[in-house]
Amino acid sequence: MPSQPTPSHPSAGVDLPLHRHEWDRLVRLPRHVLVVASAGDEEVDAVAGVEAIAAGQRSRALLVRGVVAAIFAEQVTVTAPLDRAGVLAECGAAVRILAGRLGTDVALAYGEWLMDVAASVGRTAWRPGVIRLGGVEILLAEREFVNEIGRELARALHRH
């Protein structure tokens, strides 16, 4: 079952107990979270979302750092429309896979990073429906998506 990383695989030299399609899901998902969190809002700060993805380079989890490296190495753009419910289901599935294969700590680090990516979008714009958390403005609709990711994370870890 272990993957055999290739030289283009950011975890080269690290044997991960993941299949290639599972790794691809982990790499694809943060971009999908960013796209869904930004959907339908012309005033979002997508740059903040990209910065939140890049902030994963400072994660305590080696896996998250590897995913960040893979994201920026691939230079892939999301072109197909994304379904919010589908992205949430993918979040839960990814966390379950990680909890089962690499442990709860890695699953939590990855899931919390996804929540950070979703929460980062749109923090700079002011308009009705904004709350302040820890000195940071967060749109209520954006907070709802972050909470939904958090619920998927909790469900996934509870089933594990």
N, C-alpha and C. Protein backbone atom coordinates (compact mmCIF):
# COMPACT_ATOMS: atom_id res chain seq x y z
N MET A 1 0.80 -1.20 0.00
CA MET A 1 0.00 0.00 0.00
C MET A 1 0.84 1.27 0.00
N PRO A 2 2.06 1.29 0.54
CA PRO A 2 2.83 2.53 0.56
C PRO A 2 3.07 3.08 -0.83
N SER A 3 3.07 4.40 -0.90
CA SER A 3 3.36 5.04 -2.18
C SER A 3 4.86 4.97 -2.42
N GLN A 4 5.23 5.03 -3.64
CA GLN A 4 6.64 5.09 -4.00
C GLN A 4 6.86 6.45 -4.65
N PRO A 5 7.25 7.46 -3.86
CA PRO A 5 7.40 8.80 -4.41
C PRO A 5 8.39 8.82 -5.57
N THR A 6 8.09 9.65 -6.54
CA THR A 6 8.96 9.84 -7.69
C THR A 6 9.77 11.10 -7.47
N PRO A 7 10.79 11.35 -8.27
CA PRO A 7 11.57 12.58 -8.09
C PRO A 7 10.72 13.84 -8.16
N SER A 8 9.64 13.83 -8.92
CA SER A 8 8.79 15.02 -9.01
C SER A 8 7.83 15.10 -7.83
N HIS A 9 7.71 14.05 -7.09
CA HIS A 9 6.84 13.99 -5.92
C HIS A 9 7.55 14.72 -4.78
N PRO A 10 6.90 15.71 -4.13
CA PRO A 10 7.58 16.52 -3.13
C PRO A 10 8.03 15.73 -1.92
N SER A 11 7.51 14.55 -1.73
CA SER A 11 7.90 13.78 -0.55
C SER A 11 8.99 12.79 -0.91
N ALA A 12 9.69 13.04 -2.02
CA ALA A 12 10.74 12.11 -2.45
C ALA A 12 11.66 11.83 -1.27
N GLY A 13 11.90 10.56 -1.03
CA GLY A 13 12.70 10.16 0.10
C GLY A 13 11.87 9.86 1.33
N VAL A 14 10.60 10.17 1.31
CA VAL A 14 9.70 9.88 2.42
C VAL A 14 8.67 8.88 1.93
N ASP A 15 8.60 7.76 2.58
CA ASP A 15 7.65 6.73 2.18
C ASP A 15 6.33 6.96 2.89
N LEU A 16 5.32 7.41 2.16
CA LEU A 16 4.01 7.67 2.74
C LEU A 16 3.08 6.51 2.46
N PRO A 17 2.28 6.12 3.44
CA PRO A 17 1.33 5.04 3.23
C PRO A 17 0.07 5.52 2.51
N LEU A 18 0.26 6.16 1.37
CA LEU A 18 -0.84 6.71 0.59
C LEU A 18 -0.71 6.23 -0.85
N HIS A 19 -1.85 6.01 -1.47
CA HIS A 19 -1.87 5.72 -2.90
C HIS A 19 -1.75 7.05 -3.65
N ARG A 20 -1.36 6.99 -4.90
CA ARG A 20 -1.18 8.21 -5.71
C ARG A 20 -2.47 9.03 -5.76
N HIS A 21 -3.62 8.38 -5.95
CA HIS A 21 -4.88 9.14 -6.04
C HIS A 21 -5.21 9.81 -4.70
N GLU A 22 -4.79 9.23 -3.59
CA GLU A 22 -5.02 9.86 -2.29
C GLU A 22 -4.12 11.08 -2.12
N TRP A 23 -2.87 10.94 -2.53
CA TRP A 23 -1.95 12.08 -2.50
C TRP A 23 -2.48 13.21 -3.38
N ASP A 24 -2.93 12.87 -4.58
CA ASP A 24 -3.47 13.87 -5.49
C ASP A 24 -4.65 14.60 -4.87
N ARG A 25 -5.50 13.88 -4.15
CA ARG A 25 -6.64 14.50 -3.46
C ARG A 25 -6.14 15.51 -2.43
N LEU A 26 -5.14 15.14 -1.65
CA LEU A 26 -4.60 16.03 -0.63
C LEU A 26 -4.02 17.30 -1.25
N VAL A 27 -3.41 17.17 -2.40
CA VAL A 27 -2.81 18.32 -3.09
C VAL A 27 -3.89 19.19 -3.73
N ARG A 28 -4.90 18.59 -4.27
CA ARG A 28 -5.97 19.30 -4.97
C ARG A 28 -6.90 20.05 -4.00
N LEU A 29 -7.15 19.47 -2.84
CA LEU A 29 -8.19 19.97 -1.94
C LEU A 29 -7.99 21.40 -1.43
N PRO A 30 -6.80 21.83 -1.03
CA PRO A 30 -6.67 23.22 -0.57
C PRO A 30 -7.06 24.24 -1.64
N ARG A 31 -6.73 23.97 -2.90
CA ARG A 31 -7.15 24.88 -3.98
C ARG A 31 -8.67 24.89 -4.10
N HIS A 32 -9.28 23.72 -3.98
CA HIS A 32 -10.74 23.65 -4.08
C HIS A 32 -11.40 24.40 -2.92
N VAL A 33 -10.85 24.28 -1.72
CA VAL A 33 -11.37 25.02 -0.57
C VAL A 33 -11.27 26.52 -0.85
N LEU A 34 -10.16 26.96 -1.39
CA LEU A 34 -9.97 28.38 -1.71
C LEU A 34 -11.00 28.85 -2.74
N VAL A 35 -11.21 28.06 -3.79
CA VAL A 35 -12.17 28.44 -4.84
C VAL A 35 -13.58 28.52 -4.27
N VAL A 36 -13.99 27.53 -3.48
CA VAL A 36 -15.35 27.54 -2.92
C VAL A 36 -15.50 28.68 -1.92
N ALA A 37 -14.50 28.93 -1.10
CA ALA A 37 -14.57 30.03 -0.13
C ALA A 37 -14.67 31.38 -0.83
N SER A 38 -14.11 31.49 -2.02
CA SER A 38 -14.12 32.74 -2.78
C SER A 38 -15.33 32.89 -3.68
N ALA A 39 -16.08 31.84 -3.89
CA ALA A 39 -17.17 31.82 -4.88
C ALA A 39 -18.23 32.88 -4.60
N GLY A 40 -18.60 33.57 -5.67
CA GLY A 40 -19.72 34.50 -5.61
C GLY A 40 -19.42 35.80 -4.90
N ASP A 41 -18.19 36.08 -4.57
CA ASP A 41 -17.85 37.31 -3.86
C ASP A 41 -16.76 38.04 -4.64
N GLU A 42 -17.13 39.19 -5.21
CA GLU A 42 -16.17 39.93 -6.03
C GLU A 42 -15.13 40.67 -5.19
N GLU A 43 -15.39 40.82 -3.88
CA GLU A 43 -14.48 41.59 -3.05
C GLU A 43 -13.56 40.72 -2.21
N VAL A 44 -13.48 39.45 -2.49
CA VAL A 44 -12.62 38.58 -1.69
C VAL A 44 -11.16 38.89 -1.95
N ASP A 45 -10.36 38.55 -1.00
CA ASP A 45 -8.92 38.71 -1.14
C ASP A 45 -8.33 37.34 -1.41
N ALA A 46 -8.35 36.94 -2.67
CA ALA A 46 -7.85 35.61 -3.04
C ALA A 46 -6.36 35.49 -2.76
N VAL A 47 -5.65 36.62 -2.78
CA VAL A 47 -4.22 36.58 -2.47
C VAL A 47 -4.03 36.08 -1.04
N ALA A 48 -4.92 36.50 -0.13
CA ALA A 48 -4.83 36.02 1.25
C ALA A 48 -5.00 34.50 1.30
N GLY A 49 -5.85 33.97 0.44
CA GLY A 49 -6.03 32.52 0.38
C GLY A 49 -4.79 31.81 -0.09
N VAL A 50 -4.15 32.37 -1.10
CA VAL A 50 -2.90 31.79 -1.61
C VAL A 50 -1.83 31.89 -0.52
N GLU A 51 -1.81 33.01 0.21
CA GLU A 51 -0.85 33.15 1.31
C GLU A 51 -1.12 32.13 2.41
N ALA A 52 -2.41 31.85 2.67
CA ALA A 52 -2.75 30.84 3.68
C ALA A 52 -2.31 29.45 3.24
N ILE A 53 -2.43 29.18 1.95
CA ILE A 53 -1.91 27.90 1.44
C ILE A 53 -0.40 27.85 1.66
N ALA A 54 0.29 28.93 1.29
CA ALA A 54 1.74 28.98 1.46
C ALA A 54 2.15 28.88 2.92
N ALA A 55 1.32 29.39 3.83
CA ALA A 55 1.64 29.33 5.26
C ALA A 55 1.74 27.89 5.75
N GLY A 56 1.18 26.97 5.01
CA GLY A 56 1.32 25.56 5.36
C GLY A 56 2.77 25.10 5.37
N GLN A 57 3.66 25.87 4.75
CA GLN A 57 5.09 25.55 4.77
C GLN A 57 5.65 25.59 6.18
N ARG A 58 4.95 26.29 7.07
CA ARG A 58 5.40 26.39 8.47
C ARG A 58 4.67 25.40 9.37
N SER A 59 3.90 24.51 8.79
CA SER A 59 3.13 23.54 9.57
C SER A 59 4.04 22.61 10.35
N ARG A 60 3.53 22.15 11.48
CA ARG A 60 4.27 21.16 12.27
C ARG A 60 4.26 19.80 11.59
N ALA A 61 3.35 19.61 10.64
CA ALA A 61 3.20 18.32 9.96
C ALA A 61 3.99 18.31 8.65
N LEU A 62 4.91 17.38 8.54
CA LEU A 62 5.70 17.21 7.32
C LEU A 62 4.79 17.02 6.11
N LEU A 63 3.70 16.30 6.28
CA LEU A 63 2.78 16.06 5.17
C LEU A 63 2.23 17.38 4.62
N VAL A 64 1.81 18.29 5.51
CA VAL A 64 1.26 19.57 5.05
C VAL A 64 2.34 20.34 4.29
N ARG A 65 3.55 20.34 4.78
CA ARG A 65 4.63 21.03 4.07
C ARG A 65 4.86 20.42 2.69
N GLY A 66 4.76 19.10 2.60
CA GLY A 66 4.91 18.43 1.31
C GLY A 66 3.79 18.77 0.35
N VAL A 67 2.57 18.87 0.88
CA VAL A 67 1.42 19.24 0.04
C VAL A 67 1.61 20.66 -0.51
N VAL A 68 2.06 21.57 0.34
CA VAL A 68 2.30 22.95 -0.11
C VAL A 68 3.33 22.96 -1.24
N ALA A 69 4.40 22.23 -1.07
CA ALA A 69 5.43 22.16 -2.11
C ALA A 69 4.85 21.62 -3.41
N ALA A 70 4.01 20.61 -3.32
CA ALA A 70 3.39 20.03 -4.52
C ALA A 70 2.44 21.01 -5.19
N ILE A 71 1.68 21.75 -4.39
CA ILE A 71 0.74 22.72 -4.95
C ILE A 71 1.49 23.76 -5.79
N PHE A 72 2.55 24.31 -5.24
CA PHE A 72 3.27 25.36 -5.95
C PHE A 72 4.14 24.82 -7.06
N ALA A 73 4.49 23.56 -7.01
CA ALA A 73 5.27 22.95 -8.09
C ALA A 73 4.40 22.65 -9.30
N GLU A 74 3.13 22.33 -9.07
CA GLU A 74 2.25 21.92 -10.17
C GLU A 74 1.72 23.08 -11.00
N GLN A 75 1.51 24.24 -10.41
CA GLN A 75 0.97 25.39 -11.13
C GLN A 75 -0.33 25.05 -11.86
N VAL A 76 -1.21 24.36 -11.18
CA VAL A 76 -2.49 23.95 -11.76
C VAL A 76 -3.55 24.99 -11.39
N THR A 77 -4.43 25.28 -12.32
CA THR A 77 -5.56 26.15 -12.01
C THR A 77 -6.83 25.33 -12.05
N VAL A 78 -7.78 25.72 -11.22
CA VAL A 78 -9.07 25.03 -11.17
C VAL A 78 -9.97 25.68 -12.20
N THR A 79 -10.47 24.89 -13.15
CA THR A 79 -11.31 25.45 -14.20
C THR A 79 -12.75 24.98 -14.11
N ALA A 80 -12.98 23.80 -13.61
CA ALA A 80 -14.35 23.28 -13.53
C ALA A 80 -15.05 23.88 -12.31
N PRO A 81 -16.37 24.10 -12.43
CA PRO A 81 -17.11 24.60 -11.27
C PRO A 81 -17.07 23.56 -10.15
N LEU A 82 -16.99 24.05 -8.92
CA LEU A 82 -16.90 23.16 -7.78
C LEU A 82 -18.18 23.22 -6.95
N ASP A 83 -18.57 22.09 -6.46
CA ASP A 83 -19.76 21.95 -5.62
C ASP A 83 -19.33 22.04 -4.16
N ARG A 84 -19.91 22.98 -3.43
CA ARG A 84 -19.56 23.19 -2.02
C ARG A 84 -19.70 21.91 -1.20
N ALA A 85 -20.83 21.22 -1.37
CA ALA A 85 -21.06 19.98 -0.63
C ALA A 85 -20.02 18.92 -1.00
N GLY A 86 -19.65 18.88 -2.27
CA GLY A 86 -18.63 17.93 -2.71
C GLY A 86 -17.28 18.22 -2.10
N VAL A 87 -16.92 19.51 -2.02
CA VAL A 87 -15.64 19.89 -1.42
C VAL A 87 -15.65 19.56 0.07
N LEU A 88 -16.77 19.80 0.74
CA LEU A 88 -16.86 19.45 2.16
C LEU A 88 -16.71 17.94 2.36
N ALA A 89 -17.34 17.15 1.50
CA ALA A 89 -17.21 15.69 1.59
C ALA A 89 -15.76 15.27 1.36
N GLU A 90 -15.08 15.93 0.42
CA GLU A 90 -13.67 15.64 0.17
C GLU A 90 -12.81 15.97 1.39
N CYS A 91 -13.16 17.05 2.09
CA CYS A 91 -12.42 17.40 3.32
C CYS A 91 -12.53 16.27 4.33
N GLY A 92 -13.75 15.78 4.54
CA GLY A 92 -13.95 14.68 5.48
C GLY A 92 -13.22 13.43 5.06
N ALA A 93 -13.29 13.10 3.77
CA ALA A 93 -12.62 11.89 3.27
C ALA A 93 -11.11 12.00 3.44
N ALA A 94 -10.55 13.16 3.15
CA ALA A 94 -9.10 13.34 3.28
C ALA A 94 -8.65 13.18 4.73
N VAL A 95 -9.41 13.77 5.64
CA VAL A 95 -9.04 13.69 7.06
C VAL A 95 -9.17 12.25 7.57
N ARG A 96 -10.19 11.53 7.11
CA ARG A 96 -10.33 10.12 7.51
C ARG A 96 -9.14 9.29 7.02
N ILE A 97 -8.75 9.52 5.77
CA ILE A 97 -7.59 8.79 5.23
C ILE A 97 -6.35 9.08 6.06
N LEU A 98 -6.12 10.36 6.34
CA LEU A 98 -4.92 10.72 7.10
C LEU A 98 -4.96 10.17 8.52
N ALA A 99 -6.11 10.24 9.16
CA ALA A 99 -6.21 9.71 10.52
C ALA A 99 -5.93 8.21 10.54
N GLY A 100 -6.45 7.51 9.55
CA GLY A 100 -6.27 6.07 9.49
C GLY A 100 -4.85 5.64 9.13
N ARG A 101 -4.20 6.43 8.30
CA ARG A 101 -2.87 6.03 7.80
C ARG A 101 -1.71 6.69 8.53
N LEU A 102 -1.89 7.96 8.92
CA LEU A 102 -0.76 8.70 9.49
C LEU A 102 -1.02 9.21 10.91
N GLY A 103 -2.24 9.00 11.41
CA GLY A 103 -2.55 9.39 12.78
C GLY A 103 -3.36 10.67 12.88
N THR A 104 -3.95 10.84 14.05
CA THR A 104 -4.84 11.97 14.31
C THR A 104 -4.10 13.31 14.25
N ASP A 105 -2.87 13.35 14.73
CA ASP A 105 -2.13 14.63 14.72
C ASP A 105 -1.94 15.17 13.31
N VAL A 106 -1.59 14.30 12.39
CA VAL A 106 -1.40 14.72 10.99
C VAL A 106 -2.75 15.11 10.39
N ALA A 107 -3.79 14.32 10.68
CA ALA A 107 -5.12 14.63 10.17
C ALA A 107 -5.60 15.99 10.68
N LEU A 108 -5.38 16.26 11.96
CA LEU A 108 -5.77 17.55 12.53
C LEU A 108 -4.99 18.70 11.91
N ALA A 109 -3.70 18.52 11.74
CA ALA A 109 -2.87 19.58 11.14
C ALA A 109 -3.37 19.91 9.74
N TYR A 110 -3.66 18.89 8.95
CA TYR A 110 -4.15 19.10 7.59
C TYR A 110 -5.53 19.76 7.61
N GLY A 111 -6.44 19.24 8.44
CA GLY A 111 -7.79 19.80 8.51
C GLY A 111 -7.80 21.24 9.00
N GLU A 112 -6.99 21.54 10.00
CA GLU A 112 -6.92 22.91 10.50
C GLU A 112 -6.34 23.85 9.45
N TRP A 113 -5.40 23.35 8.68
CA TRP A 113 -4.82 24.15 7.60
C TRP A 113 -5.90 24.46 6.55
N LEU A 114 -6.73 23.48 6.21
CA LEU A 114 -7.84 23.73 5.27
C LEU A 114 -8.76 24.81 5.82
N MET A 115 -9.04 24.77 7.13
CA MET A 115 -9.89 25.78 7.74
C MET A 115 -9.23 27.16 7.66
N ASP A 116 -7.92 27.22 7.87
CA ASP A 116 -7.20 28.49 7.76
C ASP A 116 -7.30 29.06 6.34
N VAL A 117 -7.19 28.18 5.35
CA VAL A 117 -7.29 28.62 3.95
C VAL A 117 -8.67 29.23 3.71
N ALA A 118 -9.72 28.55 4.16
CA ALA A 118 -11.09 29.06 3.97
C ALA A 118 -11.30 30.36 4.73
N ALA A 119 -10.77 30.45 5.94
CA ALA A 119 -10.98 31.64 6.78
C ALA A 119 -10.21 32.85 6.27
N SER A 120 -9.15 32.63 5.54
CA SER A 120 -8.30 33.75 5.10
C SER A 120 -8.94 34.60 4.02
N VAL A 121 -9.86 34.04 3.29
CA VAL A 121 -10.46 34.72 2.13
C VAL A 121 -11.40 35.82 2.59
N GLY A 122 -11.18 37.03 2.10
CA GLY A 122 -12.11 38.13 2.34
C GLY A 122 -11.96 38.83 3.66
N ARG A 123 -10.88 38.63 4.37
CA ARG A 123 -10.74 39.26 5.69
C ARG A 123 -10.56 40.77 5.61
N THR A 124 -10.18 41.29 4.48
CA THR A 124 -9.85 42.72 4.42
C THR A 124 -11.03 43.61 4.05
N ALA A 125 -12.07 43.07 3.47
CA ALA A 125 -13.20 43.90 3.02
C ALA A 125 -14.17 44.17 4.18
N TRP A 126 -14.72 45.38 4.21
CA TRP A 126 -15.74 45.70 5.21
C TRP A 126 -17.08 45.79 4.52
N ARG A 127 -18.07 45.19 5.11
CA ARG A 127 -19.46 45.30 4.66
C ARG A 127 -20.35 44.68 5.73
N PRO A 128 -21.66 44.88 5.62
CA PRO A 128 -22.55 44.27 6.61
C PRO A 128 -22.35 42.76 6.65
N GLY A 129 -22.57 42.19 7.82
CA GLY A 129 -22.41 40.76 7.96
C GLY A 129 -21.00 40.35 8.30
N VAL A 130 -20.23 41.31 8.85
CA VAL A 130 -18.84 41.04 9.21
C VAL A 130 -18.73 40.96 10.72
N ILE A 131 -17.98 40.00 11.21
CA ILE A 131 -17.69 39.91 12.64
C ILE A 131 -16.19 40.04 12.82
N ARG A 132 -15.78 40.40 14.04
CA ARG A 132 -14.35 40.49 14.34
C ARG A 132 -14.00 39.37 15.31
N LEU A 133 -13.00 38.59 14.95
CA LEU A 133 -12.50 37.52 15.82
C LEU A 133 -11.01 37.75 16.00
N GLY A 134 -10.60 37.99 17.23
CA GLY A 134 -9.18 38.19 17.49
C GLY A 134 -8.58 39.34 16.70
N GLY A 135 -9.36 40.40 16.48
CA GLY A 135 -8.87 41.54 15.73
C GLY A 135 -8.93 41.39 14.23
N VAL A 136 -9.47 40.27 13.76
CA VAL A 136 -9.56 40.01 12.32
C VAL A 136 -11.03 40.00 11.93
N GLU A 137 -11.35 40.73 10.86
CA GLU A 137 -12.72 40.74 10.36
C GLU A 137 -12.97 39.50 9.53
N ILE A 138 -14.09 38.84 9.81
CA ILE A 138 -14.45 37.63 9.07
C ILE A 138 -15.91 37.73 8.65
N LEU A 139 -16.18 37.49 7.38
CA LEU A 139 -17.54 37.53 6.88
C LEU A 139 -18.33 36.38 7.49
N LEU A 140 -19.58 36.65 7.85
CA LEU A 140 -20.40 35.59 8.44
C LEU A 140 -20.57 34.42 7.48
N ALA A 141 -20.77 34.70 6.18
CA ALA A 141 -20.91 33.61 5.21
C ALA A 141 -19.62 32.81 5.12
N GLU A 142 -18.50 33.49 5.19
CA GLU A 142 -17.20 32.82 5.15
C GLU A 142 -17.03 31.97 6.40
N ARG A 143 -17.44 32.49 7.53
CA ARG A 143 -17.33 31.75 8.80
C ARG A 143 -18.18 30.48 8.73
N GLU A 144 -19.31 30.56 8.04
CA GLU A 144 -20.17 29.39 7.89
C GLU A 144 -19.43 28.26 7.16
N PHE A 145 -18.71 28.59 6.10
CA PHE A 145 -17.97 27.57 5.36
C PHE A 145 -16.84 27.00 6.23
N VAL A 146 -16.16 27.86 6.98
CA VAL A 146 -15.11 27.39 7.88
C VAL A 146 -15.71 26.44 8.91
N ASN A 147 -16.86 26.81 9.47
CA ASN A 147 -17.53 25.94 10.45
C ASN A 147 -17.93 24.61 9.83
N GLU A 148 -18.39 24.64 8.58
CA GLU A 148 -18.76 23.39 7.90
C GLU A 148 -17.54 22.49 7.73
N ILE A 149 -16.41 23.07 7.38
CA ILE A 149 -15.18 22.28 7.28
C ILE A 149 -14.83 21.70 8.65
N GLY A 150 -14.97 22.51 9.69
CA GLY A 150 -14.71 22.04 11.05
C GLY A 150 -15.61 20.88 11.45
N ARG A 151 -16.88 20.96 11.07
CA ARG A 151 -17.81 19.86 11.37
C ARG A 151 -17.40 18.59 10.62
N GLU A 152 -16.99 18.74 9.35
CA GLU A 152 -16.51 17.57 8.59
C GLU A 152 -15.28 16.97 9.25
N LEU A 153 -14.39 17.82 9.71
CA LEU A 153 -13.19 17.37 10.40
C LEU A 153 -13.57 16.58 11.66
N ALA A 154 -14.49 17.12 12.45
CA ALA A 154 -14.92 16.44 13.67
C ALA A 154 -15.59 15.11 13.36
N ARG A 155 -16.48 15.10 12.35
CA ARG A 155 -17.15 13.85 11.97
C ARG A 155 -16.13 12.80 11.52
N ALA A 156 -15.19 13.23 10.71
CA ALA A 156 -14.19 12.30 10.18
C ALA A 156 -13.36 11.70 11.31
N LEU A 157 -12.97 12.52 12.26
CA LEU A 157 -12.15 12.02 13.36
C LEU A 157 -12.97 11.19 14.34
N HIS A 158 -14.24 11.52 14.48
CA HIS A 158 -15.12 10.75 15.37
C HIS A 158 -15.34 9.35 14.82
N ARG A 159 -15.46 9.23 13.50
CA ARG A 159 -15.64 7.91 12.86
C ARG A 159 -14.38 7.08 12.93
N HIS A 160 -13.26 7.77 13.04
CA HIS A 160 -11.98 7.06 13.07
C HIS A 160 -11.85 6.45 14.42
